């Protein structure tokens, strides 16, 4: 059965998903592993045989965020992306700059300098900051490694 009562935003999202698969070469199997949604669901969704409303709210939010980031995320410059991840650690996970610095083994002044003006620190310092921030974020985001695919 083809679903015709879709919203324009859902149509835009569906097209983004198709572009991601066709142009960016992300496979349905990779999306299945990342999202835990079945390959069958993706195929039905692409063919308008189901809608986002068939998902749980948490699945819908995760999937839409993922597709948007995979299609448009590469337009965000690296410094802004790193600042965004640091902001998530500070705002969502309630780290303060001192604790964040202690956890990643970098002086919190370097983090503050980067947040105030990304050109104020060297490329080498930026590299070390980004690798350590990303690792900390990964450890916090996925604390139960038994649930990883």
Protein backbone atom coordinates (compact mmCIF):
# COMPACT_ATOMS: atom_id res chain seq x y z
CA UNK A 1 0.00 0.00 0.00
CA UNK A 2 1.39 3.43 -0.97
CA UNK A 3 0.96 6.15 1.64
CA UNK A 4 -0.14 9.44 0.08
CA UNK A 5 -0.82 11.53 3.17
CA UNK A 6 2.76 12.55 3.87
CA UNK A 7 3.91 16.00 4.89
CA UNK A 8 6.25 18.10 2.74
CA UNK A 9 8.93 17.80 5.41
CA UNK A 10 8.66 14.02 5.30
CA UNK A 11 9.02 14.12 1.52
CA UNK A 12 12.14 16.27 1.88
CA UNK A 13 13.53 13.86 4.45
CA UNK A 14 12.75 10.84 2.24
CA UNK A 15 14.62 12.52 -0.64
CA UNK A 16 17.58 13.20 1.67
CA UNK A 17 17.65 9.52 2.60
CA UNK A 18 17.54 8.48 -1.06
CA UNK A 19 20.35 10.94 -1.86
CA UNK A 20 22.38 9.56 1.02
CA UNK A 21 22.00 6.04 -0.33
CA UNK A 22 22.45 6.84 -4.03
CA UNK A 23 25.03 9.64 -4.04
CA UNK A 24 26.92 9.14 -0.79
CA UNK A 25 26.83 5.34 -1.13
CA UNK A 26 25.66 4.61 2.42
CA UNK A 27 24.07 1.18 2.24
CA UNK A 28 20.76 0.24 3.76
CA UNK A 29 22.66 -2.43 5.69
CA UNK A 30 24.91 0.25 7.22
CA UNK A 31 21.84 2.32 8.16
CA UNK A 32 20.27 -0.80 9.65
CA UNK A 33 23.34 -1.39 11.83
CA UNK A 34 23.59 2.26 12.90
CA UNK A 35 19.90 2.74 13.70
CA UNK A 36 18.71 -0.79 14.59
CA UNK A 37 15.82 -0.26 12.16
CA UNK A 38 15.28 -3.12 9.76
CA UNK A 39 16.40 -3.02 6.14
CA UNK A 40 12.79 -3.89 5.34
CA UNK A 41 11.62 -0.67 7.05
CA UNK A 42 14.05 1.43 5.00
CA UNK A 43 12.92 -0.20 1.76
CA UNK A 44 9.26 0.33 2.62
CA UNK A 45 9.91 3.93 3.64
CA UNK A 46 11.76 4.73 0.41
CA UNK A 47 8.87 3.22 -1.58
CA UNK A 48 6.30 5.25 0.43
CA UNK A 49 4.81 2.15 2.01
CA UNK A 50 5.30 3.53 5.53
CA UNK A 51 6.03 6.85 7.17
CA UNK A 52 8.15 8.21 9.98
CA UNK A 53 5.07 7.96 12.16
CA UNK A 54 5.56 4.18 12.19
CA UNK A 55 8.62 4.73 14.40
CA UNK A 56 8.90 5.43 18.10
CA UNK A 57 9.57 9.11 18.86
CA UNK A 58 13.13 8.32 19.96
CA UNK A 59 13.80 6.36 16.75
CA UNK A 60 12.32 9.14 14.64
CA UNK A 61 14.49 11.81 16.29
CA UNK A 62 17.63 9.72 16.04
CA UNK A 63 17.02 8.83 12.39
CA UNK A 64 16.18 12.35 11.25
CA UNK A 65 19.18 13.81 13.09
CA UNK A 66 21.45 11.14 11.63
CA UNK A 67 20.28 11.65 8.05
CA UNK A 68 20.53 15.42 8.31
CA UNK A 69 24.05 15.20 9.74
CA UNK A 70 25.18 12.67 7.15
CA UNK A 71 23.83 14.73 4.25
CA UNK A 72 24.46 18.30 5.43
CA UNK A 73 26.95 17.82 8.25
CA UNK A 74 29.95 18.02 5.98
CA UNK A 75 29.14 21.68 5.32
CA UNK A 76 29.95 22.50 8.96
CA UNK A 77 33.57 23.55 9.36
CA UNK A 78 35.73 21.44 11.67
CA UNK A 79 36.25 24.15 14.30
CA UNK A 80 32.50 24.76 14.62
CA UNK A 81 31.89 21.03 14.86
CA UNK A 82 34.47 20.66 17.65
CA UNK A 83 32.99 23.66 19.48
CA UNK A 84 29.56 22.03 19.19
CA UNK A 85 30.79 18.78 20.73
CA UNK A 86 32.51 20.65 23.55
CA UNK A 87 29.27 22.55 24.11
CA UNK A 88 27.36 19.25 24.37
CA UNK A 89 29.84 18.03 26.99
CA UNK A 90 29.45 21.28 28.94
CA UNK A 91 25.69 21.78 28.60
CA UNK A 92 24.18 18.31 28.28
CA UNK A 93 26.66 16.23 30.28
CA UNK A 94 27.28 19.02 32.84
CA UNK A 95 31.08 19.11 32.68
CA UNK A 96 32.80 22.33 33.63
CA UNK A 97 35.92 23.42 31.76
CA UNK A 98 38.27 22.40 34.55
CA UNK A 99 36.80 18.89 34.82
CA UNK A 100 36.74 18.54 31.04
CA UNK A 101 40.42 19.48 30.88
CA UNK A 102 41.30 17.04 33.66
CA UNK A 103 39.41 14.19 31.96
CA UNK A 104 41.15 14.63 28.63
CA UNK A 105 44.57 15.60 30.00
CA UNK A 106 44.63 19.10 28.52
CA UNK A 107 44.85 22.40 30.41
CA UNK A 108 41.40 23.96 30.56
CA UNK A 109 42.94 27.29 29.48
CA UNK A 110 43.64 25.77 26.06
CA UNK A 111 39.97 24.75 25.77
CA UNK A 112 38.88 28.25 26.83
CA UNK A 113 41.25 29.84 24.33
CA UNK A 114 39.89 27.62 21.55
CA UNK A 115 36.26 28.40 22.45
CA UNK A 116 36.98 32.14 22.47
CA UNK A 117 39.02 32.17 19.25
CA UNK A 118 39.80 28.96 17.38
CA UNK A 119 42.74 30.61 15.60
CA UNK A 120 44.44 31.31 18.95
CA UNK A 121 45.79 27.76 19.30
CA UNK A 122 48.14 25.84 17.04
CA UNK A 123 47.01 23.18 14.59
CA UNK A 124 48.87 20.61 16.71
CA UNK A 125 47.00 21.68 19.87
CA UNK A 126 43.73 21.67 17.94
CA UNK A 127 44.45 18.12 16.75
CA UNK A 128 45.17 16.87 20.27
CA UNK A 129 42.11 18.66 21.63
CA UNK A 130 39.80 17.25 18.98
CA UNK A 131 41.03 13.65 19.29
CA UNK A 132 40.71 13.70 23.07
CA UNK A 133 37.31 15.44 23.05
CA UNK A 134 35.95 12.97 20.49
CA UNK A 135 37.20 9.98 22.49
CA UNK A 136 35.64 11.31 25.70
CA UNK A 137 32.39 12.03 23.88
CA UNK A 138 32.39 8.50 22.43
CA UNK A 139 32.97 6.94 25.86
CA UNK A 140 30.12 8.94 27.36
CA UNK A 141 27.74 8.49 24.45
CA UNK A 142 28.19 4.70 24.32
CA UNK A 143 28.91 3.58 27.88
CA UNK A 144 27.53 0.05 27.40
CA UNK A 145 29.79 -1.55 24.82
CA UNK A 146 27.75 -4.76 24.91
CA UNK A 147 24.96 -2.91 23.08
CA UNK A 148 27.16 -1.78 20.20
CA UNK A 149 26.55 -3.53 16.87
